[in-house]
Amino acid sequence: MSLPPDDAHDAQATALLGRPFAELDVRAQRVARHIGLRQPITQHPEAAAAVPSTRGQRAADAVTAFGGSWLFVGLFAAVMLVWVGMNVVLLAARGQTFDPYPFILLNLFLSMLAAVQAPIILMSQNRQSEKDRVTAGHDYEVNLKAELEIMLLHDKLDQLRQQQWSELLALQAEQMRLLAALAAGLPAMCDTAQTPAALPLQHDGAVGPTNEPGNRAWFAQP
């Protein structure tokens, strides 16, 4: 008779984890449920790390991906060189420029870019941290399930070995019993083999030939 699902999960959780099913955390309950149902718990890495995102979070990811690329570094260096070159040329040609040395306007733009880019990068890092937490939780579930499955496998091997030992002991006891019975019957068989067979009775009731006078005539007959 099979147990109800809740009772089966509770019994299995108590046997494997030492606590009732209701006292386990969400991940441990999920692992115990998958073990009881014989279902895989492993997911694809992208599916395991799939976290719902908003449009702003996706934009932050795009900005962070672009800001951490060599393309951004190259464009940034090119803009700075063009800016400095234009100011040097204008200063040499006209004697004045819109951003003379030490390029205070350029520093202002760079500060503004850094001030805007920093929180966007932090938002993207927070989202990546959330993905990492989800991935770590999934890895914990997979590792816990693997550990419990190995424990169950060891228990099954121990039970199989104990059963085989019991069968071997029973077989050995039966062999010893047969050997004892054979050893007890062997002397009787030897005594029977050593006893001479009874000689056939003659027509006069005597057993075998004798030297009595009454039997000599019987030997003398042709």
Protein backbone atom coordinates (compact mmCIF):
# COMPACT_ATOMS: atom_id res chain seq x y z
CA MET A 1 0.00 0.00 0.00
CA SER A 2 1.55 3.31 -1.12
CA LEU A 3 1.65 6.33 1.15
CA PRO A 4 0.05 9.67 0.25
CA PRO A 5 2.44 12.11 -1.47
CA ASP A 6 2.85 14.32 1.61
CA ASP A 7 3.53 11.36 3.92
CA ALA A 8 5.94 9.85 1.39
CA HIS A 9 7.87 13.13 1.09
CA ASP A 10 7.91 13.51 4.87
CA ALA A 11 9.22 9.98 5.40
CA GLN A 12 11.89 10.37 2.74
CA ALA A 13 12.98 13.78 4.02
CA THR A 14 13.27 12.39 7.53
CA ALA A 15 15.30 9.41 6.31
CA LEU A 16 17.66 11.46 4.13
CA LEU A 17 17.95 14.83 5.84
CA GLY A 18 16.95 13.99 9.40
CA ARG A 19 14.11 16.52 9.49
CA PRO A 20 10.45 16.47 8.48
CA PHE A 21 9.50 17.79 5.07
CA ALA A 22 7.72 20.84 6.49
CA GLU A 23 10.83 21.99 8.39
CA LEU A 24 13.07 22.07 5.30
CA ASP A 25 13.75 25.20 3.28
CA VAL A 26 12.29 25.69 -0.17
CA ARG A 27 15.30 24.33 -2.04
CA ALA A 28 15.64 21.25 0.16
CA GLN A 29 11.91 20.55 -0.24
CA ARG A 30 12.30 20.83 -3.99
CA VAL A 31 15.21 18.38 -3.94
CA ALA A 32 13.33 15.90 -1.75
CA ARG A 33 10.30 16.13 -4.03
CA HIS A 34 12.39 15.47 -7.14
CA ILE A 35 14.08 12.48 -5.48
CA GLY A 36 10.73 11.03 -4.48
CA LEU A 37 9.31 11.48 -7.99
CA ARG A 38 12.53 10.28 -9.69
CA GLN A 39 12.72 13.44 -11.78
CA PRO A 40 15.88 15.29 -12.92
CA ILE A 41 16.55 18.66 -11.36
CA THR A 42 19.31 19.88 -13.68
CA GLN A 43 18.42 22.78 -15.97
CA HIS A 44 20.14 24.53 -18.82
CA PRO A 45 22.45 27.30 -17.53
CA GLU A 46 20.53 30.00 -19.39
CA ALA A 47 17.20 28.69 -18.13
CA ALA A 48 18.51 28.37 -14.58
CA ALA A 49 19.80 31.97 -14.60
CA ALA A 50 16.73 33.42 -16.30
CA VAL A 51 15.59 36.34 -14.12
CA PRO A 52 12.67 38.58 -15.17
CA SER A 53 14.02 41.94 -16.31
CA THR A 54 12.58 45.36 -17.10
CA ARG A 55 13.42 47.60 -20.03
CA GLY A 56 15.67 49.75 -17.86
CA GLN A 57 17.61 46.71 -16.64
CA ARG A 58 18.13 45.52 -20.19
CA ALA A 59 19.31 49.02 -21.17
CA ALA A 60 21.74 49.01 -18.25
CA ASP A 61 23.08 45.66 -19.40
CA ALA A 62 23.57 47.02 -22.92
CA VAL A 63 25.34 50.17 -21.69
CA THR A 64 27.59 48.13 -19.40
CA ALA A 65 28.41 45.70 -22.19
CA PHE A 66 29.31 48.59 -24.51
CA GLY A 67 31.26 50.46 -21.82
CA GLY A 68 33.37 47.39 -21.11
CA SER A 69 34.37 46.78 -24.72
CA TRP A 70 37.40 47.76 -26.74
CA LEU A 71 35.10 49.63 -29.10
CA PHE A 72 34.20 52.06 -26.35
CA VAL A 73 37.86 52.48 -25.40
CA GLY A 74 38.78 53.18 -29.02
CA LEU A 75 35.95 55.66 -29.55
CA PHE A 76 36.72 57.39 -26.27
CA ALA A 77 40.40 57.77 -27.18
CA ALA A 78 39.49 59.00 -30.67
CA VAL A 79 37.08 61.65 -29.29
CA MET A 80 39.70 62.92 -26.83
CA LEU A 81 42.36 63.14 -29.56
CA VAL A 82 39.98 64.97 -31.89
CA TRP A 83 38.94 67.35 -29.10
CA VAL A 84 42.50 68.18 -28.12
CA GLY A 85 43.61 68.45 -31.77
CA MET A 86 40.80 70.84 -32.69
CA ASN A 87 41.59 73.10 -29.75
CA VAL A 88 45.30 73.13 -30.57
CA VAL A 89 44.64 73.96 -34.24
CA LEU A 90 42.11 76.69 -33.44
CA LEU A 91 44.42 78.17 -30.83
CA ALA A 92 47.30 78.25 -33.32
CA ALA A 93 45.20 79.63 -36.17
CA ARG A 94 42.98 82.17 -34.39
CA GLY A 95 44.71 82.70 -31.10
CA GLN A 96 41.69 81.53 -29.14
CA THR A 97 39.52 78.43 -28.86
CA PHE A 98 36.36 77.20 -27.16
CA ASP A 99 38.25 74.97 -24.70
CA PRO A 100 41.85 76.08 -24.18
CA TYR A 101 44.39 74.19 -22.15
CA PRO A 102 43.87 72.55 -19.58
CA PHE A 103 40.61 71.58 -21.37
CA ILE A 104 38.22 72.32 -18.53
CA LEU A 105 35.15 71.74 -20.71
CA LEU A 106 36.46 68.31 -21.67
CA ASN A 107 37.01 67.47 -18.00
CA LEU A 108 33.42 68.56 -17.29
CA PHE A 109 32.08 66.23 -19.98
CA LEU A 110 34.22 63.37 -18.71
CA SER A 111 33.00 63.91 -15.15
CA MET A 112 29.39 63.98 -16.32
CA LEU A 113 29.94 60.78 -18.32
CA ALA A 114 31.49 59.05 -15.31
CA ALA A 115 28.67 60.25 -13.03
CA VAL A 116 26.02 58.85 -15.37
CA GLN A 117 27.88 55.68 -16.27
CA ALA A 118 28.68 54.61 -12.70
CA PRO A 119 25.08 54.00 -11.50
CA ILE A 120 24.22 52.28 -14.79
CA ILE A 121 27.14 49.90 -14.27
CA LEU A 122 26.02 49.34 -10.67
CA MET A 123 22.51 48.47 -11.85
CA SER A 124 23.93 45.96 -14.30
CA GLN A 125 26.16 44.48 -11.60
CA ASN A 126 23.18 44.11 -9.28
CA ARG A 127 21.31 42.26 -11.99
CA GLN A 128 24.32 40.03 -12.63
CA SER A 129 24.58 39.36 -8.89
CA GLU A 130 20.95 38.25 -8.89
CA LYS A 131 21.70 35.89 -11.76
CA ASP A 132 24.69 34.55 -9.86
CA ARG A 133 22.55 33.94 -6.78
CA VAL A 134 20.01 32.03 -8.85
CA THR A 135 22.77 29.99 -10.49
CA ALA A 136 24.39 29.28 -7.11
CA GLY A 137 21.05 28.16 -5.70
CA HIS A 138 20.53 25.83 -8.63
CA ASP A 139 24.04 24.43 -8.19
CA TYR A 140 23.25 23.83 -4.52
CA GLU A 141 20.12 21.88 -5.45
CA VAL A 142 22.01 19.77 -7.98
CA ASN A 143 24.82 19.04 -5.51
CA LEU A 144 22.40 18.21 -2.71
CA LYS A 145 20.42 15.86 -4.94
CA ALA A 146 23.62 14.17 -6.13
CA GLU A 147 24.79 13.71 -2.53
CA LEU A 148 21.47 12.23 -1.45
CA GLU A 149 21.36 9.95 -4.48
CA ILE A 150 24.85 8.67 -3.60
CA MET A 151 23.67 8.02 -0.03
CA LEU A 152 20.68 6.07 -1.34
CA LEU A 153 22.97 4.10 -3.63
CA HIS A 154 25.24 3.21 -0.69
CA ASP A 155 22.21 2.06 1.31
CA LYS A 156 21.05 -0.15 -1.55
CA LEU A 157 24.51 -1.65 -1.93
CA ASP A 158 24.67 -2.34 1.81
CA GLN A 159 21.26 -4.03 1.70
CA LEU A 160 22.29 -6.12 -1.31
CA ARG A 161 25.52 -7.14 0.38
CA GLN A 162 23.68 -8.07 3.58
CA GLN A 163 21.21 -10.13 1.57
CA GLN A 164 24.02 -11.92 -0.24
CA TRP A 165 25.78 -12.64 3.04
CA SER A 166 22.56 -14.11 4.46
CA GLU A 167 22.13 -16.31 1.39
CA LEU A 168 25.76 -17.45 1.57
CA LEU A 169 25.43 -18.31 5.26
CA ALA A 170 22.23 -20.25 4.59
CA LEU A 171 23.93 -22.10 1.72
CA GLN A 172 26.93 -22.88 3.91
CA ALA A 173 24.67 -24.20 6.68
CA GLU A 174 22.89 -26.44 4.16
CA GLN A 175 26.22 -27.74 2.88
CA MET A 176 27.39 -28.47 6.42
CA ARG A 177 24.15 -30.34 7.11
CA LEU A 178 24.57 -32.45 3.98
CA LEU A 179 28.20 -33.17 4.84
CA ALA A 180 27.22 -34.22 8.37
CA ALA A 181 24.51 -36.53 7.01
CA LEU A 182 26.95 -38.00 4.51
CA ALA A 183 29.58 -38.51 7.20
CA ALA A 184 27.02 -40.25 9.47
CA GLY A 185 25.89 -42.63 6.71
CA LEU A 186 29.37 -43.57 5.47
CA PRO A 187 30.25 -46.13 8.31
CA ALA A 188 26.96 -47.99 7.77
CA MET A 189 27.69 -48.24 4.07
CA CYS A 190 31.18 -49.58 4.83
CA ASP A 191 29.80 -52.25 7.23
CA THR A 192 27.30 -53.35 4.63
CA ALA A 193 30.03 -53.69 2.02
CA GLN A 194 32.24 -55.80 4.32
CA THR A 195 29.45 -58.38 5.32
CA PRO A 196 29.66 -61.65 3.14
CA ALA A 197 26.64 -62.52 1.08
CA ALA A 198 24.50 -65.50 2.18
CA LEU A 199 25.21 -68.70 0.29
CA PRO A 200 22.30 -70.30 -1.60
CA LEU A 201 20.43 -73.13 0.10
CA GLN A 202 20.87 -76.65 -1.37
CA HIS A 203 18.07 -79.05 -2.06
CA ASP A 204 18.67 -80.87 1.25
CA GLY A 205 18.48 -77.68 3.34
CA ALA A 206 22.25 -77.51 4.01
CA VAL A 207 24.09 -74.25 3.49
CA GLY A 208 26.87 -74.79 0.98
CA PRO A 209 29.08 -77.87 0.69
CA THR A 210 30.26 -79.55 3.91
CA ASN A 211 32.50 -82.41 4.83
CA GLU A 212 29.73 -84.35 6.49
CA PRO A 213 29.28 -87.96 5.33
CA GLY A 214 25.73 -87.32 4.13
CA ASN A 215 26.92 -84.81 1.61
CA ARG A 216 29.75 -86.75 0.08
CA ALA A 217 27.40 -88.68 -2.17
CA TRP A 218 26.19 -85.45 -3.60
CA PHE A 219 29.75 -84.52 -4.67
CA ALA A 220 30.25 -88.02 -6.11
CA GLN A 221 27.36 -87.82 -8.54
CA PRO A 222 28.41 -87.30 -12.17
